[in-house]
Amino acid sequence: MTRTDSPIPPADPIAARLMLLAGLFGAIAVAAGAYASHGLAAVRDAHAVDLWKTASQYQMVHALAILVLAPLRRALPAQARWLAASGLCFAIGCVLFPGALYALGWYGPSAMGAVAPVGGLSFILGWLLVGYAGLRSQR
């Protein structure tokens, strides 16, 4: 059997990076959510706990979205670049939006509050790119 006849498709380095990011963001989301539920209230107020819970939920949802993009790139190869761009937007959002909320919950009001909307816009753009890839795949 030659390399081209192999039933194993060639590796997709972008899909591998998406999976790595999904794993990292998912792990952070679980750890932060657990801390918010079981330890943060001992050192911060209820508002901080709510911020951390919200941040961990958004981070987990988008970690799972990033994970789904890896097989979607293989299923829709003509849309792979749009799906990669979506993954990049989700990754930026997973740093900025939850990161800002974690910081606000820990340190209180600061300039980090201005970063959260940028992360939120990144999430929105990521979802729009997924929708665009789906629309283009129907052509």
N, C-alpha and C. Protein backbone atom coordinates (compact mmCIF):
# COMPACT_ATOMS: atom_id res chain seq x y z
N MET A 1 0.85 -1.17 0.00
CA MET A 1 0.00 0.00 0.00
C MET A 1 0.90 1.23 0.00
N THR A 2 0.65 2.13 -0.91
CA THR A 2 1.43 3.37 -0.97
C THR A 2 0.85 4.40 -0.02
N ARG A 3 1.57 5.45 0.16
CA ARG A 3 1.14 6.52 1.08
C ARG A 3 -0.23 7.07 0.67
N THR A 4 -0.48 7.19 -0.62
CA THR A 4 -1.75 7.76 -1.08
C THR A 4 -2.89 6.76 -0.92
N ASP A 5 -2.59 5.47 -0.82
CA ASP A 5 -3.63 4.46 -0.65
C ASP A 5 -3.96 4.21 0.82
N SER A 6 -3.23 4.82 1.69
CA SER A 6 -3.41 4.59 3.13
C SER A 6 -4.80 5.03 3.57
N PRO A 7 -5.46 4.22 4.42
CA PRO A 7 -6.77 4.64 4.92
C PRO A 7 -6.66 5.76 5.95
N ILE A 8 -5.45 6.01 6.44
CA ILE A 8 -5.26 7.08 7.42
C ILE A 8 -4.98 8.37 6.66
N PRO A 9 -5.85 9.37 6.82
CA PRO A 9 -5.65 10.63 6.10
C PRO A 9 -4.41 11.36 6.63
N PRO A 10 -3.84 12.24 5.82
CA PRO A 10 -2.66 12.98 6.27
C PRO A 10 -2.99 13.86 7.46
N ALA A 11 -1.98 14.13 8.25
CA ALA A 11 -2.17 14.96 9.44
C ALA A 11 -2.52 16.39 9.05
N ASP A 12 -3.32 17.01 9.87
CA ASP A 12 -3.70 18.41 9.67
C ASP A 12 -3.13 19.19 10.85
N PRO A 13 -2.02 19.92 10.64
CA PRO A 13 -1.39 20.61 11.76
C PRO A 13 -2.30 21.66 12.41
N ILE A 14 -3.18 22.26 11.64
CA ILE A 14 -4.09 23.25 12.23
C ILE A 14 -5.10 22.54 13.13
N ALA A 15 -5.60 21.39 12.68
CA ALA A 15 -6.53 20.62 13.52
C ALA A 15 -5.85 20.21 14.82
N ALA A 16 -4.58 19.82 14.73
CA ALA A 16 -3.84 19.43 15.94
C ALA A 16 -3.72 20.62 16.89
N ARG A 17 -3.46 21.79 16.35
CA ARG A 17 -3.36 22.99 17.21
C ARG A 17 -4.72 23.34 17.82
N LEU A 18 -5.77 23.18 17.04
CA LEU A 18 -7.11 23.44 17.57
C LEU A 18 -7.42 22.49 18.73
N MET A 19 -7.04 21.23 18.56
CA MET A 19 -7.28 20.26 19.64
C MET A 19 -6.47 20.60 20.88
N LEU A 20 -5.23 21.04 20.69
CA LEU A 20 -4.40 21.45 21.82
C LEU A 20 -5.04 22.63 22.55
N LEU A 21 -5.46 23.63 21.80
CA LEU A 21 -6.11 24.79 22.42
C LEU A 21 -7.39 24.40 23.13
N ALA A 22 -8.18 23.54 22.51
CA ALA A 22 -9.42 23.09 23.14
C ALA A 22 -9.13 22.41 24.47
N GLY A 23 -8.11 21.57 24.49
CA GLY A 23 -7.74 20.89 25.73
C GLY A 23 -7.29 21.86 26.81
N LEU A 24 -6.46 22.82 26.44
CA LEU A 24 -5.98 23.79 27.42
C LEU A 24 -7.11 24.66 27.95
N PHE A 25 -7.92 25.19 27.05
CA PHE A 25 -9.02 26.05 27.48
C PHE A 25 -10.06 25.26 28.29
N GLY A 26 -10.31 24.03 27.88
CA GLY A 26 -11.25 23.20 28.64
C GLY A 26 -10.75 22.91 30.04
N ALA A 27 -9.46 22.60 30.17
CA ALA A 27 -8.89 22.33 31.49
C ALA A 27 -8.94 23.56 32.38
N ILE A 28 -8.61 24.72 31.81
CA ILE A 28 -8.68 25.97 32.59
C ILE A 28 -10.11 26.23 33.03
N ALA A 29 -11.06 26.01 32.13
CA ALA A 29 -12.46 26.25 32.47
C ALA A 29 -12.92 25.34 33.61
N VAL A 30 -12.55 24.09 33.57
CA VAL A 30 -12.94 23.16 34.64
C VAL A 30 -12.31 23.59 35.96
N ALA A 31 -11.01 23.90 35.92
CA ALA A 31 -10.31 24.30 37.14
C ALA A 31 -10.90 25.59 37.72
N ALA A 32 -11.14 26.57 36.86
CA ALA A 32 -11.68 27.85 37.33
C ALA A 32 -13.11 27.68 37.85
N GLY A 33 -13.91 26.88 37.16
CA GLY A 33 -15.27 26.64 37.62
C GLY A 33 -15.30 25.91 38.95
N ALA A 34 -14.40 24.95 39.12
CA ALA A 34 -14.33 24.22 40.39
C ALA A 34 -13.90 25.15 41.52
N TYR A 35 -12.90 25.99 41.24
CA TYR A 35 -12.45 26.94 42.26
C TYR A 35 -13.57 27.93 42.60
N ALA A 36 -14.29 28.38 41.59
CA ALA A 36 -15.40 29.31 41.84
C ALA A 36 -16.47 28.66 42.72
N SER A 37 -16.70 27.37 42.52
CA SER A 37 -17.73 26.68 43.28
C SER A 37 -17.28 26.24 44.67
N HIS A 38 -15.98 26.03 44.85
CA HIS A 38 -15.53 25.40 46.10
C HIS A 38 -14.50 26.17 46.90
N GLY A 39 -14.00 27.29 46.40
CA GLY A 39 -12.96 27.96 47.17
C GLY A 39 -12.94 29.46 47.08
N LEU A 40 -13.39 29.99 45.99
CA LEU A 40 -13.29 31.43 45.77
C LEU A 40 -14.10 32.23 46.78
N ALA A 41 -15.23 31.71 47.21
CA ALA A 41 -16.09 32.45 48.15
C ALA A 41 -15.39 32.70 49.49
N ALA A 42 -14.38 31.92 49.80
CA ALA A 42 -13.65 32.12 51.05
C ALA A 42 -12.76 33.36 51.00
N VAL A 43 -12.41 33.80 49.80
CA VAL A 43 -11.49 34.94 49.67
C VAL A 43 -12.07 36.11 48.88
N ARG A 44 -13.19 35.90 48.19
CA ARG A 44 -13.80 36.97 47.40
C ARG A 44 -15.32 36.97 47.64
N ASP A 45 -15.98 38.02 47.17
CA ASP A 45 -17.42 38.14 47.38
C ASP A 45 -18.23 37.35 46.35
N ALA A 46 -19.54 37.35 46.51
CA ALA A 46 -20.43 36.58 45.64
C ALA A 46 -20.37 37.06 44.19
N HIS A 47 -20.17 38.35 43.99
CA HIS A 47 -20.06 38.88 42.62
C HIS A 47 -18.84 38.28 41.91
N ALA A 48 -17.74 38.16 42.62
CA ALA A 48 -16.53 37.56 42.04
C ALA A 48 -16.79 36.11 41.67
N VAL A 49 -17.48 35.39 42.54
CA VAL A 49 -17.81 33.99 42.25
C VAL A 49 -18.66 33.90 40.99
N ASP A 50 -19.65 34.79 40.86
CA ASP A 50 -20.50 34.81 39.66
C ASP A 50 -19.69 35.11 38.41
N LEU A 51 -18.76 36.05 38.51
CA LEU A 51 -17.92 36.38 37.36
C LEU A 51 -17.10 35.16 36.94
N TRP A 52 -16.52 34.47 37.90
CA TRP A 52 -15.71 33.30 37.58
C TRP A 52 -16.55 32.17 37.00
N LYS A 53 -17.75 31.99 37.52
CA LYS A 53 -18.63 30.95 36.95
C LYS A 53 -19.02 31.29 35.52
N THR A 54 -19.36 32.55 35.27
CA THR A 54 -19.70 32.97 33.91
C THR A 54 -18.51 32.78 32.98
N ALA A 55 -17.34 33.20 33.43
CA ALA A 55 -16.13 33.07 32.61
C ALA A 55 -15.85 31.61 32.27
N SER A 56 -15.96 30.74 33.27
CA SER A 56 -15.65 29.33 33.02
C SER A 56 -16.68 28.70 32.08
N GLN A 57 -17.93 29.11 32.17
CA GLN A 57 -18.95 28.58 31.25
C GLN A 57 -18.67 29.00 29.81
N TYR A 58 -18.39 30.27 29.60
CA TYR A 58 -18.09 30.72 28.25
C TYR A 58 -16.82 30.06 27.72
N GLN A 59 -15.84 29.91 28.58
CA GLN A 59 -14.59 29.29 28.14
C GLN A 59 -14.81 27.83 27.77
N MET A 60 -15.63 27.11 28.54
CA MET A 60 -15.88 25.71 28.22
C MET A 60 -16.67 25.56 26.92
N VAL A 61 -17.70 26.35 26.75
CA VAL A 61 -18.50 26.28 25.52
C VAL A 61 -17.61 26.50 24.30
N HIS A 62 -16.72 27.47 24.39
CA HIS A 62 -15.88 27.77 23.24
C HIS A 62 -14.71 26.81 23.10
N ALA A 63 -14.27 26.20 24.19
CA ALA A 63 -13.28 25.13 24.08
C ALA A 63 -13.89 23.96 23.30
N LEU A 64 -15.14 23.64 23.60
CA LEU A 64 -15.82 22.56 22.87
C LEU A 64 -16.05 22.96 21.40
N ALA A 65 -16.37 24.22 21.17
CA ALA A 65 -16.53 24.68 19.78
C ALA A 65 -15.22 24.54 19.02
N ILE A 66 -14.11 24.90 19.65
CA ILE A 66 -12.80 24.75 19.00
C ILE A 66 -12.54 23.28 18.69
N LEU A 67 -12.88 22.41 19.63
CA LEU A 67 -12.66 20.97 19.44
C LEU A 67 -13.45 20.45 18.24
N VAL A 68 -14.67 20.92 18.06
CA VAL A 68 -15.51 20.48 16.95
C VAL A 68 -14.97 20.96 15.60
N LEU A 69 -14.24 22.05 15.60
CA LEU A 69 -13.71 22.58 14.35
C LEU A 69 -12.69 21.64 13.70
N ALA A 70 -11.97 20.88 14.50
CA ALA A 70 -10.94 19.98 13.94
C ALA A 70 -11.56 18.97 12.95
N PRO A 71 -12.58 18.19 13.34
CA PRO A 71 -13.16 17.27 12.36
C PRO A 71 -13.97 17.98 11.27
N LEU A 72 -14.50 19.15 11.57
CA LEU A 72 -15.22 19.91 10.54
C LEU A 72 -14.29 20.32 9.40
N ARG A 73 -13.03 20.62 9.74
CA ARG A 73 -12.07 20.98 8.68
C ARG A 73 -11.88 19.82 7.72
N ARG A 74 -11.89 18.59 8.22
CA ARG A 74 -11.74 17.42 7.36
C ARG A 74 -13.02 17.15 6.58
N ALA A 75 -14.16 17.37 7.22
CA ALA A 75 -15.44 17.11 6.56
C ALA A 75 -15.76 18.15 5.48
N LEU A 76 -15.28 19.38 5.69
CA LEU A 76 -15.55 20.46 4.74
C LEU A 76 -14.23 21.09 4.30
N PRO A 77 -13.40 20.36 3.55
CA PRO A 77 -12.06 20.87 3.23
C PRO A 77 -12.07 22.20 2.46
N ALA A 78 -13.09 22.45 1.67
CA ALA A 78 -13.15 23.71 0.94
C ALA A 78 -13.37 24.90 1.89
N GLN A 79 -13.84 24.62 3.10
CA GLN A 79 -14.11 25.68 4.08
C GLN A 79 -13.07 25.69 5.20
N ALA A 80 -12.00 24.94 5.03
CA ALA A 80 -11.01 24.77 6.10
C ALA A 80 -10.44 26.09 6.59
N ARG A 81 -10.19 27.03 5.66
CA ARG A 81 -9.58 28.29 6.10
C ARG A 81 -10.56 29.13 6.91
N TRP A 82 -11.86 29.08 6.56
CA TRP A 82 -12.86 29.83 7.34
C TRP A 82 -13.02 29.21 8.72
N LEU A 83 -12.95 27.89 8.78
CA LEU A 83 -13.06 27.21 10.07
C LEU A 83 -11.83 27.46 10.93
N ALA A 84 -10.66 27.54 10.29
CA ALA A 84 -9.44 27.88 11.04
C ALA A 84 -9.53 29.31 11.57
N ALA A 85 -10.05 30.21 10.76
CA ALA A 85 -10.22 31.60 11.22
C ALA A 85 -11.21 31.66 12.38
N SER A 86 -12.25 30.86 12.31
CA SER A 86 -13.20 30.78 13.41
C SER A 86 -12.51 30.29 14.68
N GLY A 87 -11.68 29.26 14.53
CA GLY A 87 -10.94 28.75 15.68
C GLY A 87 -10.03 29.79 16.29
N LEU A 88 -9.39 30.59 15.43
CA LEU A 88 -8.53 31.67 15.93
C LEU A 88 -9.36 32.69 16.72
N CYS A 89 -10.51 33.05 16.18
CA CYS A 89 -11.39 34.00 16.89
C CYS A 89 -11.84 33.42 18.23
N PHE A 90 -12.22 32.14 18.23
CA PHE A 90 -12.63 31.51 19.49
C PHE A 90 -11.47 31.49 20.48
N ALA A 91 -10.26 31.21 20.00
CA ALA A 91 -9.10 31.16 20.89
C ALA A 91 -8.81 32.54 21.48
N ILE A 92 -8.87 33.57 20.64
CA ILE A 92 -8.66 34.93 21.14
C ILE A 92 -9.74 35.26 22.18
N GLY A 93 -10.98 34.90 21.85
CA GLY A 93 -12.07 35.13 22.79
C GLY A 93 -11.88 34.37 24.10
N CYS A 94 -11.35 33.14 24.03
CA CYS A 94 -11.12 32.32 25.23
C CYS A 94 -10.04 32.90 26.13
N VAL A 95 -9.19 33.73 25.59
CA VAL A 95 -8.18 34.41 26.41
C VAL A 95 -8.75 35.72 26.94
N LEU A 96 -9.33 36.52 26.06
CA LEU A 96 -9.74 37.87 26.44
C LEU A 96 -11.00 37.92 27.29
N PHE A 97 -12.06 37.24 26.88
CA PHE A 97 -13.32 37.38 27.60
C PHE A 97 -13.25 36.73 28.98
N PRO A 98 -12.99 35.43 29.08
CA PRO A 98 -12.91 34.86 30.43
C PRO A 98 -11.74 35.45 31.23
N GLY A 99 -10.62 35.72 30.56
CA GLY A 99 -9.48 36.30 31.26
C GLY A 99 -9.84 37.61 31.93
N ALA A 100 -10.58 38.45 31.22
CA ALA A 100 -11.02 39.72 31.80
C ALA A 100 -11.95 39.48 32.99
N LEU A 101 -12.87 38.53 32.85
CA LEU A 101 -13.80 38.26 33.96
C LEU A 101 -13.07 37.65 35.16
N TYR A 102 -12.12 36.75 34.90
CA TYR A 102 -11.33 36.20 36.01
C TYR A 102 -10.60 37.32 36.73
N ALA A 103 -9.99 38.23 35.97
CA ALA A 103 -9.24 39.35 36.57
C ALA A 103 -10.18 40.29 37.33
N LEU A 104 -11.33 40.60 36.75
CA LEU A 104 -12.29 41.46 37.45
C LEU A 104 -12.77 40.82 38.74
N GLY A 105 -13.00 39.53 38.71
CA GLY A 105 -13.44 38.84 39.92
C GLY A 105 -12.36 38.79 40.98
N TRP A 106 -11.12 38.68 40.56
CA TRP A 106 -10.03 38.57 41.52
C TRP A 106 -9.56 39.94 42.03
N TYR A 107 -9.35 40.89 41.10
CA TYR A 107 -8.77 42.18 41.46
C TYR A 107 -9.80 43.30 41.62
N GLY A 108 -11.02 43.08 41.17
CA GLY A 108 -12.02 44.14 41.21
C GLY A 108 -11.97 44.98 39.94
N PRO A 109 -12.76 46.04 39.89
CA PRO A 109 -12.81 46.89 38.70
C PRO A 109 -11.43 47.41 38.29
N SER A 110 -11.18 47.32 37.01
CA SER A 110 -9.91 47.79 36.47
C SER A 110 -10.07 47.97 34.96
N ALA A 111 -8.98 48.27 34.30
CA ALA A 111 -8.99 48.42 32.84
C ALA A 111 -9.33 47.11 32.15
N MET A 112 -9.20 45.98 32.86
CA MET A 112 -9.54 44.68 32.27
C MET A 112 -11.00 44.62 31.85
N GLY A 113 -11.83 45.44 32.48
CA GLY A 113 -13.24 45.46 32.11
C GLY A 113 -13.44 45.85 30.65
N ALA A 114 -12.53 46.65 30.12
CA ALA A 114 -12.62 47.07 28.72
C ALA A 114 -12.20 45.97 27.76
N VAL A 115 -11.52 44.95 28.26
CA VAL A 115 -11.04 43.86 27.41
C VAL A 115 -12.15 42.84 27.14
N ALA A 116 -13.04 42.66 28.09
CA ALA A 116 -14.10 41.66 27.95
C ALA A 116 -14.93 41.84 26.67
N PRO A 117 -15.36 43.05 26.32
CA PRO A 117 -16.14 43.20 25.09
C PRO A 117 -15.36 42.80 23.82
N VAL A 118 -14.05 43.02 23.83
CA VAL A 118 -13.25 42.62 22.68
C VAL A 118 -13.27 41.09 22.56
N GLY A 119 -13.16 40.41 23.69
CA GLY A 119 -13.26 38.95 23.68
C GLY A 119 -14.63 38.49 23.23
N GLY A 120 -15.66 39.19 23.69
CA GLY A 120 -17.02 38.85 23.28
C GLY A 120 -17.22 39.03 21.77
N LEU A 121 -16.69 40.11 21.24
CA LEU A 121 -16.76 40.33 19.79
C LEU A 121 -16.01 39.24 19.04
N SER A 122 -14.91 38.80 19.60
CA SER A 122 -14.15 37.72 18.97
C SER A 122 -14.98 36.44 18.93
N PHE A 123 -15.68 36.14 20.02
CA PHE A 123 -16.58 34.98 20.03
C PHE A 123 -17.65 35.13 18.94
N ILE A 124 -18.26 36.29 18.88
CA ILE A 124 -19.32 36.53 17.88
C ILE A 124 -18.78 36.36 16.47
N LEU A 125 -17.62 36.93 16.19
CA LEU A 125 -17.02 36.80 14.87
C LEU A 125 -16.72 35.33 14.56
N GLY A 126 -16.25 34.59 15.55
CA GLY A 126 -16.00 33.16 15.35
C GLY A 126 -17.27 32.42 14.94
N TRP A 127 -18.37 32.70 15.61
CA TRP A 127 -19.63 32.04 15.24
C TRP A 127 -20.10 32.47 13.85
N LEU A 128 -19.93 33.74 13.52
CA LEU A 128 -20.31 34.19 12.18
C LEU A 128 -19.47 33.50 11.11
N LEU A 129 -18.20 33.28 11.39
CA LEU A 129 -17.34 32.58 10.44
C LEU A 129 -17.76 31.12 10.28
N VAL A 130 -18.20 30.48 11.36
CA VAL A 130 -18.72 29.12 11.25
C VAL A 130 -19.96 29.12 10.35
N GLY A 131 -20.84 30.09 10.59
CA GLY A 131 -22.04 30.20 9.74
C GLY A 131 -21.70 30.46 8.29
N TYR A 132 -20.71 31.30 8.06
CA TYR A 132 -20.28 31.60 6.69
C TYR A 132 -19.72 30.35 6.02
N ALA A 133 -18.93 29.59 6.75
CA ALA A 133 -18.38 28.34 6.20
C ALA A 133 -19.52 27.38 5.84
N GLY A 134 -20.54 27.32 6.69
CA GLY A 134 -21.69 26.46 6.40
C GLY A 134 -22.44 26.94 5.17
N LEU A 135 -22.62 28.23 5.05
CA LEU A 135 -23.31 28.80 3.88
C LEU A 135 -22.53 28.52 2.62
N ARG A 136 -21.22 28.71 2.65
CA ARG A 136 -20.38 28.47 1.47
C ARG A 136 -20.34 26.99 1.10
N SER A 137 -20.48 26.12 2.08
CA SER A 137 -20.40 24.68 1.78
C SER A 137 -21.64 24.19 1.02
N GLN A 138 -22.69 24.97 1.00
CA GLN A 138 -23.91 24.58 0.30
C GLN A 138 -23.87 24.99 -1.17
N ARG A 139 -22.84 25.66 -1.60
CA ARG A 139 -22.73 26.10 -3.00
C ARG A 139 -22.30 24.98 -3.87
